[in-house]
Amino acid sequence: MVEVLSPGNAGRDVVIKRHEYAAGGIPHYWIVDKNERTLTVLSRPEQGKGYLDSTVVKAGERFETDDPFPISLDPADFC
């Protein structure tokens, strides 16, 4: 799941939806903050509830992963 923070609802996106998505079993939750120009990558542990803050990637930094699929990106490309 990738969420782009909405200007008027950022709190809901970061707090409430994060809880709802974790409770729903969504294993990966990425949050794009266009104002801060960041990508926050969260993942659920195999056992447990909620998400772990895996990493916060700032514009100008490259993020690479194979989980849940191979991708390489820089938030500057879309923020």
PDB file of N, CA and C in Angstrom:
ATOM      1  N   MET A   1       0.846  -1.155   0.000  1.00  0.00           N
ATOM      2  CA  MET A   1       0.000   0.000   0.000  1.00  0.00           C
ATOM      3  C   MET A   1       0.902   1.232   0.000  1.00  0.00           C
ATOM      4  N   VAL A   2       0.612   2.176  -0.880  1.00  0.00           N
ATOM      5  CA  VAL A   2       1.317   3.457  -0.899  1.00  0.00           C
ATOM      6  C   VAL A   2       0.300   4.558  -0.663  1.00  0.00           C
ATOM      7  N   GLU A   3       0.585   5.400   0.298  1.00  0.00           N
ATOM      8  CA  GLU A   3      -0.304   6.501   0.674  1.00  0.00           C
ATOM      9  C   GLU A   3       0.424   7.815   0.419  1.00  0.00           C
ATOM     10  N   VAL A   4      -0.213   8.727  -0.287  1.00  0.00           N
ATOM     11  CA  VAL A   4       0.300  10.085  -0.427  1.00  0.00           C
ATOM     12  C   VAL A   4      -0.465  10.933   0.574  1.00  0.00           C
ATOM     13  N   LEU A   5       0.271  11.546   1.512  1.00  0.00           N
ATOM     14  CA  LEU A   5      -0.394  12.336   2.545  1.00  0.00           C
ATOM     15  C   LEU A   5      -1.218  13.439   1.922  1.00  0.00           C
ATOM     16  N   SER A   6      -2.445  13.551   2.380  1.00  0.00           N
ATOM     17  CA  SER A   6      -3.306  14.621   1.899  1.00  0.00           C
ATOM     18  C   SER A   6      -3.101  15.837   2.800  1.00  0.00           C
ATOM     19  N   PRO A   7      -3.051  17.035   2.217  1.00  0.00           N
ATOM     20  CA  PRO A   7      -2.771  18.235   3.011  1.00  0.00           C
ATOM     21  C   PRO A   7      -3.728  18.432   4.184  1.00  0.00           C
ATOM     22  N   GLY A   8      -4.987  18.144   4.004  1.00  0.00           N
ATOM     23  CA  GLY A   8      -5.955  18.372   5.063  1.00  0.00           C
ATOM     24  C   GLY A   8      -6.181  17.192   5.977  1.00  0.00           C
ATOM     25  N   ASN A   9      -5.571  16.053   5.679  1.00  0.00           N
ATOM     26  CA  ASN A   9      -5.856  14.836   6.433  1.00  0.00           C
ATOM     27  C   ASN A   9      -4.601  14.060   6.805  1.00  0.00           C
ATOM     28  N   ALA A  10      -3.463  14.714   6.881  1.00  0.00           N
ATOM     29  CA  ALA A  10      -2.200  14.008   7.127  1.00  0.00           C
ATOM     30  C   ALA A  10      -2.241  13.217   8.429  1.00  0.00           C
ATOM     31  N   GLY A  11      -2.838  13.768   9.471  1.00  0.00           N
ATOM     32  CA  GLY A  11      -2.927  13.053  10.745  1.00  0.00           C
ATOM     33  C   GLY A  11      -3.679  11.743  10.622  1.00  0.00           C
ATOM     34  N   ARG A  12      -4.777  11.769   9.893  1.00  0.00           N
ATOM     35  CA  ARG A  12      -5.548  10.542   9.666  1.00  0.00           C
ATOM     36  C   ARG A  12      -4.724   9.532   8.877  1.00  0.00           C
ATOM     37  N   ASP A  13      -4.027  10.022   7.856  1.00  0.00           N
ATOM     38  CA  ASP A  13      -3.221   9.128   7.023  1.00  0.00           C
ATOM     39  C   ASP A  13      -2.107   8.461   7.824  1.00  0.00           C
ATOM     40  N   VAL A  14      -1.452   9.221   8.693  1.00  0.00           N
ATOM     41  CA  VAL A  14      -0.292   8.712   9.427  1.00  0.00           C
ATOM     42  C   VAL A  14      -0.687   7.867  10.636  1.00  0.00           C
ATOM     43  N   VAL A  15      -1.766   8.226  11.320  1.00  0.00           N
ATOM     44  CA  VAL A  15      -2.113   7.534  12.561  1.00  0.00           C
ATOM     45  C   VAL A  15      -3.232   6.513  12.353  1.00  0.00           C
ATOM     46  N   ILE A  16      -4.389   6.966  11.951  1.00  0.00           N
ATOM     47  CA  ILE A  16      -5.558   6.079  11.882  1.00  0.00           C
ATOM     48  C   ILE A  16      -5.404   5.034  10.779  1.00  0.00           C
ATOM     49  N   LYS A  17      -5.062   5.475   9.582  1.00  0.00           N
ATOM     50  CA  LYS A  17      -4.932   4.506   8.488  1.00  0.00           C
ATOM     51  C   LYS A  17      -3.809   3.520   8.763  1.00  0.00           C
ATOM     52  N   ARG A  18      -2.722   3.997   9.362  1.00  0.00           N
ATOM     53  CA  ARG A  18      -1.612   3.103   9.704  1.00  0.00           C
ATOM     54  C   ARG A  18      -2.117   1.969  10.593  1.00  0.00           C
ATOM     55  N   HIS A  19      -2.909   2.286  11.594  1.00  0.00           N
ATOM     56  CA  HIS A  19      -3.468   1.271  12.489  1.00  0.00           C
ATOM     57  C   HIS A  19      -4.436   0.353  11.738  1.00  0.00           C
ATOM     58  N   GLU A  20      -5.304   0.950  10.935  1.00  0.00           N
ATOM     59  CA  GLU A  20      -6.296   0.153  10.198  1.00  0.00           C
ATOM     60  C   GLU A  20      -5.625  -0.795   9.208  1.00  0.00           C
ATOM     61  N   TYR A  21      -4.616  -0.319   8.492  1.00  0.00           N
ATOM     62  CA  TYR A  21      -3.941  -1.170   7.519  1.00  0.00           C
ATOM     63  C   TYR A  21      -3.199  -2.321   8.209  1.00  0.00           C
ATOM     64  N   ALA A  22      -2.555  -2.033   9.326  1.00  0.00           N
ATOM     65  CA  ALA A  22      -1.865  -3.092  10.074  1.00  0.00           C
ATOM     66  C   ALA A  22      -2.867  -4.122  10.580  1.00  0.00           C
ATOM     67  N   ALA A  23      -3.990  -3.652  11.134  1.00  0.00           N
ATOM     68  CA  ALA A  23      -5.021  -4.561  11.637  1.00  0.00           C
ATOM     69  C   ALA A  23      -5.609  -5.401  10.501  1.00  0.00           C
ATOM     70  N   GLY A  24      -5.638  -4.830   9.296  1.00  0.00           N
ATOM     71  CA  GLY A  24      -6.159  -5.548   8.137  1.00  0.00           C
ATOM     72  C   GLY A  24      -5.167  -6.517   7.520  1.00  0.00           C
ATOM     73  N   GLY A  25      -3.944  -6.542   8.045  1.00  0.00           N
ATOM     74  CA  GLY A  25      -2.957  -7.506   7.570  1.00  0.00           C
ATOM     75  C   GLY A  25      -2.134  -7.055   6.377  1.00  0.00           C
ATOM     76  N   ILE A  26      -2.193  -5.780   6.031  1.00  0.00           N
ATOM     77  CA  ILE A  26      -1.400  -5.288   4.898  1.00  0.00           C
ATOM     78  C   ILE A  26       0.066  -5.279   5.323  1.00  0.00           C
ATOM     79  N   PRO A  27       0.921  -6.051   4.649  1.00  0.00           N
ATOM     80  CA  PRO A  27       2.286  -6.238   5.127  1.00  0.00           C
ATOM     81  C   PRO A  27       3.217  -5.045   4.919  1.00  0.00           C
ATOM     82  N   HIS A  28       2.964  -4.224   3.923  1.00  0.00           N
ATOM     83  CA  HIS A  28       3.844  -3.096   3.622  1.00  0.00           C
ATOM     84  C   HIS A  28       3.009  -1.829   3.473  1.00  0.00           C
ATOM     85  N   TYR A  29       3.492  -0.744   4.099  1.00  0.00           N
ATOM     86  CA  TYR A  29       2.791   0.528   4.018  1.00  0.00           C
ATOM     87  C   TYR A  29       3.847   1.605   3.801  1.00  0.00           C
ATOM     88  N   TRP A  30       3.764   2.272   2.674  1.00  0.00           N
ATOM     89  CA  TRP A  30       4.699   3.340   2.324  1.00  0.00           C
ATOM     90  C   TRP A  30       3.937   4.654   2.349  1.00  0.00           C
ATOM     91  N   ILE A  31       4.528   5.658   2.989  1.00  0.00           N
ATOM     92  CA  ILE A  31       3.887   6.963   3.119  1.00  0.00           C
ATOM     93  C   ILE A  31       4.737   8.013   2.406  1.00  0.00           C
ATOM     94  N   VAL A  32       4.151   8.656   1.418  1.00  0.00           N
ATOM     95  CA  VAL A  32       4.809   9.729   0.678  1.00  0.00           C
ATOM     96  C   VAL A  32       4.352  11.057   1.269  1.00  0.00           C
ATOM     97  N   ASP A  33       5.317  11.862   1.717  1.00  0.00           N
ATOM     98  CA  ASP A  33       5.020  13.192   2.241  1.00  0.00           C
ATOM     99  C   ASP A  33       5.618  14.212   1.269  1.00  0.00           C
ATOM    100  N   LYS A  34       4.763  14.795   0.442  1.00  0.00           N
ATOM    101  CA  LYS A  34       5.232  15.727  -0.588  1.00  0.00           C
ATOM    102  C   LYS A  34       5.779  17.017   0.019  1.00  0.00           C
ATOM    103  N   ASN A  35       5.267  17.436   1.184  1.00  0.00           N
ATOM    104  CA  ASN A  35       5.772  18.642   1.836  1.00  0.00           C
ATOM    105  C   ASN A  35       7.176  18.439   2.379  1.00  0.00           C
ATOM    106  N   GLU A  36       7.405  17.309   3.024  1.00  0.00           N
ATOM    107  CA  GLU A  36       8.716  17.002   3.597  1.00  0.00           C
ATOM    108  C   GLU A  36       9.660  16.366   2.573  1.00  0.00           C
ATOM    109  N   ARG A  37       9.079  15.950   1.448  1.00  0.00           N
ATOM    110  CA  ARG A  37       9.826  15.272   0.377  1.00  0.00           C
ATOM    111  C   ARG A  37      10.494  14.001   0.894  1.00  0.00           C
ATOM    112  N   THR A  38       9.669  13.173   1.559  1.00  0.00           N
ATOM    113  CA  THR A  38      10.168  11.923   2.133  1.00  0.00           C
ATOM    114  C   THR A  38       9.271  10.750   1.757  1.00  0.00           C
ATOM    115  N   LEU A  39       9.845   9.580   1.875  1.00  0.00           N
ATOM    116  CA  LEU A  39       9.129   8.319   1.754  1.00  0.00           C
ATOM    117  C   LEU A  39       9.405   7.547   3.034  1.00  0.00           C
ATOM    118  N   THR A  40       8.360   7.233   3.783  1.00  0.00           N
ATOM    119  CA  THR A  40       8.503   6.413   4.981  1.00  0.00           C
ATOM    120  C   THR A  40       8.069   5.010   4.616  1.00  0.00           C
ATOM    121  N   VAL A  41       8.947   4.052   4.846  1.00  0.00           N
ATOM    122  CA  VAL A  41       8.698   2.662   4.490  1.00  0.00           C
ATOM    123  C   VAL A  41       8.457   1.882   5.774  1.00  0.00           C
ATOM    124  N   LEU A  42       7.248   1.321   5.895  1.00  0.00           N
ATOM    125  CA  LEU A  42       6.883   0.553   7.085  1.00  0.00           C
ATOM    126  C   LEU A  42       6.575  -0.876   6.688  1.00  0.00           C
ATOM    127  N   SER A  43       6.864  -1.793   7.590  1.00  0.00           N
ATOM    128  CA  SER A  43       6.521  -3.190   7.332  1.00  0.00           C
ATOM    129  C   SER A  43       6.072  -3.838   8.632  1.00  0.00           C
ATOM    130  N   ARG A  44       5.196  -4.807   8.489  1.00  0.00           N
ATOM    131  CA  ARG A  44       4.699  -5.554   9.649  1.00  0.00           C
ATOM    132  C   ARG A  44       5.642  -6.703   9.934  1.00  0.00           C
ATOM    133  N   PRO A  45       5.943  -6.926  11.212  1.00  0.00           N
ATOM    134  CA  PRO A  45       6.747  -8.108  11.542  1.00  0.00           C
ATOM    135  C   PRO A  45       5.912  -9.368  11.342  1.00  0.00           C
ATOM    136  N   GLU A  46       6.585 -10.490  11.136  1.00  0.00           N
ATOM    137  CA  GLU A  46       5.866 -11.764  10.942  1.00  0.00           C
ATOM    138  C   GLU A  46       4.942 -12.044  12.129  1.00  0.00           C
ATOM    139  N   GLN A  47       5.436 -11.807  13.313  1.00  0.00           N
ATOM    140  CA  GLN A  47       4.638 -11.981  14.531  1.00  0.00           C
ATOM    141  C   GLN A  47       4.465 -10.610  15.164  1.00  0.00           C
ATOM    142  N   GLY A  48       3.282 -10.304  15.582  1.00  0.00           N
ATOM    143  CA  GLY A  48       3.054  -9.037  16.252  1.00  0.00           C
ATOM    144  C   GLY A  48       2.061  -8.175  15.507  1.00  0.00           C
ATOM    145  N   LYS A  49       1.829  -7.008  16.091  1.00  0.00           N
ATOM    146  CA  LYS A  49       0.847  -6.092  15.537  1.00  0.00           C
ATOM    147  C   LYS A  49       1.527  -4.789  15.176  1.00  0.00           C
ATOM    148  N   GLY A  50       0.897  -4.041  14.331  1.00  0.00           N
ATOM    149  CA  GLY A  50       1.424  -2.735  13.960  1.00  0.00           C
ATOM    150  C   GLY A  50       2.553  -2.824  12.956  1.00  0.00           C
ATOM    151  N   TYR A  51       3.110  -1.675  12.659  1.00  0.00           N
ATOM    152  CA  TYR A  51       4.208  -1.565  11.712  1.00  0.00           C
ATOM    153  C   TYR A  51       5.474  -1.151  12.430  1.00  0.00           C
ATOM    154  N   LEU A  52       6.580  -1.536  11.859  1.00  0.00           N
ATOM    155  CA  LEU A  52       7.875  -1.048  12.295  1.00  0.00           C
ATOM    156  C   LEU A  52       8.299   0.030  11.310  1.00  0.00           C
ATOM    157  N   ASP A  53       8.857   1.127  11.804  1.00  0.00           N
ATOM    158  CA  ASP A  53       9.422   2.131  10.906  1.00  0.00           C
ATOM    159  C   ASP A  53      10.700   1.545  10.335  1.00  0.00           C
ATOM    160  N   SER A  54      10.641   1.104   9.101  1.00  0.00           N
ATOM    161  CA  SER A  54      11.810   0.496   8.489  1.00  0.00           C
ATOM    162  C   SER A  54      12.840   1.548   8.115  1.00  0.00           C
ATOM    163  N   THR A  55      12.385   2.585   7.432  1.00  0.00           N
ATOM    164  CA  THR A  55      13.312   3.624   6.996  1.00  0.00           C
ATOM    165  C   THR A  55      12.549   4.865   6.552  1.00  0.00           C
ATOM    166  N   VAL A  56      13.199   6.005   6.653  1.00  0.00           N
ATOM    167  CA  VAL A  56      12.676   7.248   6.101  1.00  0.00           C
ATOM    168  C   VAL A  56      13.697   7.707   5.063  1.00  0.00           C
ATOM    169  N   VAL A  57      13.236   7.833   3.835  1.00  0.00           N
ATOM    170  CA  VAL A  57      14.108   8.196   2.720  1.00  0.00           C
ATOM    171  C   VAL A  57      13.812   9.639   2.337  1.00  0.00           C
ATOM    172  N   LYS A  58      14.849  10.463   2.312  1.00  0.00           N
ATOM    173  CA  LYS A  58      14.708  11.873   1.966  1.00  0.00           C
ATOM    174  C   LYS A  58      15.008  12.080   0.498  1.00  0.00           C
ATOM    175  N   ALA A  59      14.460  13.166  -0.054  1.00  0.00           N
ATOM    176  CA  ALA A  59      14.749  13.522  -1.444  1.00  0.00           C
ATOM    177  C   ALA A  59      16.266  13.623  -1.611  1.00  0.00           C
ATOM    178  N   GLY A  60      16.765  13.035  -2.683  1.00  0.00           N
ATOM    179  CA  GLY A  60      18.196  13.014  -2.941  1.00  0.00           C
ATOM    180  C   GLY A  60      18.852  11.719  -2.496  1.00  0.00           C
ATOM    181  N   GLU A  61      18.104  10.885  -1.767  1.00  0.00           N
ATOM    182  CA  GLU A  61      18.598   9.580  -1.344  1.00  0.00           C
ATOM    183  C   GLU A  61      17.912   8.501  -2.185  1.00  0.00           C
ATOM    184  N   ARG A  62      18.613   7.444  -2.465  1.00  0.00           N
ATOM    185  CA  ARG A  62      18.050   6.350  -3.247  1.00  0.00           C
ATOM    186  C   ARG A  62      17.628   5.241  -2.303  1.00  0.00           C
ATOM    187  N   PHE A  63      16.407   4.735  -2.505  1.00  0.00           N
ATOM    188  CA  PHE A  63      15.867   3.605  -1.747  1.00  0.00           C
ATOM    189  C   PHE A  63      15.798   2.412  -2.680  1.00  0.00           C
ATOM    190  N   GLU A  64      16.360   1.299  -2.240  1.00  0.00           N
ATOM    191  CA  GLU A  64      16.312   0.064  -3.024  1.00  0.00           C
ATOM    192  C   GLU A  64      15.836  -1.071  -2.131  1.00  0.00           C
ATOM    193  N   THR A  65      14.976  -1.904  -2.691  1.00  0.00           N
ATOM    194  CA  THR A  65      14.474  -3.057  -1.950  1.00  0.00           C
ATOM    195  C   THR A  65      14.041  -4.146  -2.930  1.00  0.00           C
ATOM    196  N   ASP A  66      13.943  -5.340  -2.413  1.00  0.00           N
ATOM    197  CA  ASP A  66      13.366  -6.464  -3.162  1.00  0.00           C
ATOM    198  C   ASP A  66      12.063  -6.925  -2.516  1.00  0.00           C
ATOM    199  N   ASP A  67      11.684  -6.269  -1.415  1.00  0.00           N
ATOM    200  CA  ASP A  67      10.521  -6.693  -0.649  1.00  0.00           C
ATOM    201  C   ASP A  67       9.508  -5.557  -0.549  1.00  0.00           C
ATOM    202  N   PRO A  68       8.365  -5.631  -1.132  1.00  0.00           N
ATOM    203  CA  PRO A  68       7.687  -6.813  -1.648  1.00  0.00           C
ATOM    204  C   PRO A  68       7.985  -7.092  -3.123  1.00  0.00           C
ATOM    205  N   PHE A  69       8.735  -6.197  -3.783  1.00  0.00           N
ATOM    206  CA  PHE A  69       9.128  -6.398  -5.178  1.00  0.00           C
ATOM    207  C   PHE A  69      10.368  -5.553  -5.425  1.00  0.00           C
ATOM    208  N   PRO A  70      11.147  -5.866  -6.454  1.00  0.00           N
ATOM    209  CA  PRO A  70      12.356  -5.079  -6.726  1.00  0.00           C
ATOM    210  C   PRO A  70      11.995  -3.668  -7.194  1.00  0.00           C
ATOM    211  N   ILE A  71      12.599  -2.679  -6.528  1.00  0.00           N
ATOM    212  CA  ILE A  71      12.368  -1.292  -6.918  1.00  0.00           C
ATOM    213  C   ILE A  71      13.545  -0.444  -6.422  1.00  0.00           C
ATOM    214  N   SER A  72      13.834   0.591  -7.180  1.00  0.00           N
ATOM    215  CA  SER A  72      14.848   1.562  -6.803  1.00  0.00           C
ATOM    216  C   SER A  72      14.273   2.936  -7.126  1.00  0.00           C
ATOM    217  N   LEU A  73      14.248   3.832  -6.127  1.00  0.00           N
ATOM    218  CA  LEU A  73      13.658   5.152  -6.363  1.00  0.00           C
ATOM    219  C   LEU A  73      14.246   6.189  -5.423  1.00  0.00           C
ATOM    220  N   ASP A  74      14.060   7.435  -5.793  1.00  0.00           N
ATOM    221  CA  ASP A  74      14.461   8.589  -5.014  1.00  0.00           C
ATOM    222  C   ASP A  74      13.210   9.451  -4.856  1.00  0.00           C
ATOM    223  N   PRO A  75      12.833   9.829  -3.623  1.00  0.00           N
ATOM    224  CA  PRO A  75      11.633  10.663  -3.452  1.00  0.00           C
ATOM    225  C   PRO A  75      11.671  11.944  -4.265  1.00  0.00           C
ATOM    226  N   ALA A  76      12.839  12.428  -4.630  1.00  0.00           N
ATOM    227  CA  ALA A  76      12.936  13.639  -5.450  1.00  0.00           C
ATOM    228  C   ALA A  76      12.288  13.420  -6.813  1.00  0.00           C
ATOM    229  N   ASP A  77      12.174  12.164  -7.241  1.00  0.00           N
ATOM    230  CA  ASP A  77      11.570  11.860  -8.543  1.00  0.00           C
ATOM    231  C   ASP A  77      10.058  12.110  -8.557  1.00  0.00           C
ATOM    232  N   PHE A  78       9.420  12.103  -7.381  1.00  0.00           N
ATOM    233  CA  PHE A  78       7.974  12.271  -7.361  1.00  0.00           C
ATOM    234  C   PHE A  78       7.484  13.260  -6.321  1.00  0.00           C
ATOM    235  N   CYS A  79       8.361  13.904  -5.592  1.00  0.00           N
ATOM    236  CA  CYS A  79       7.956  14.910  -4.608  1.00  0.00           C
ATOM    237  C   CYS A  79       8.414  16.289  -5.039  1.00  0.00           C
TER     238      CYS A  79
END
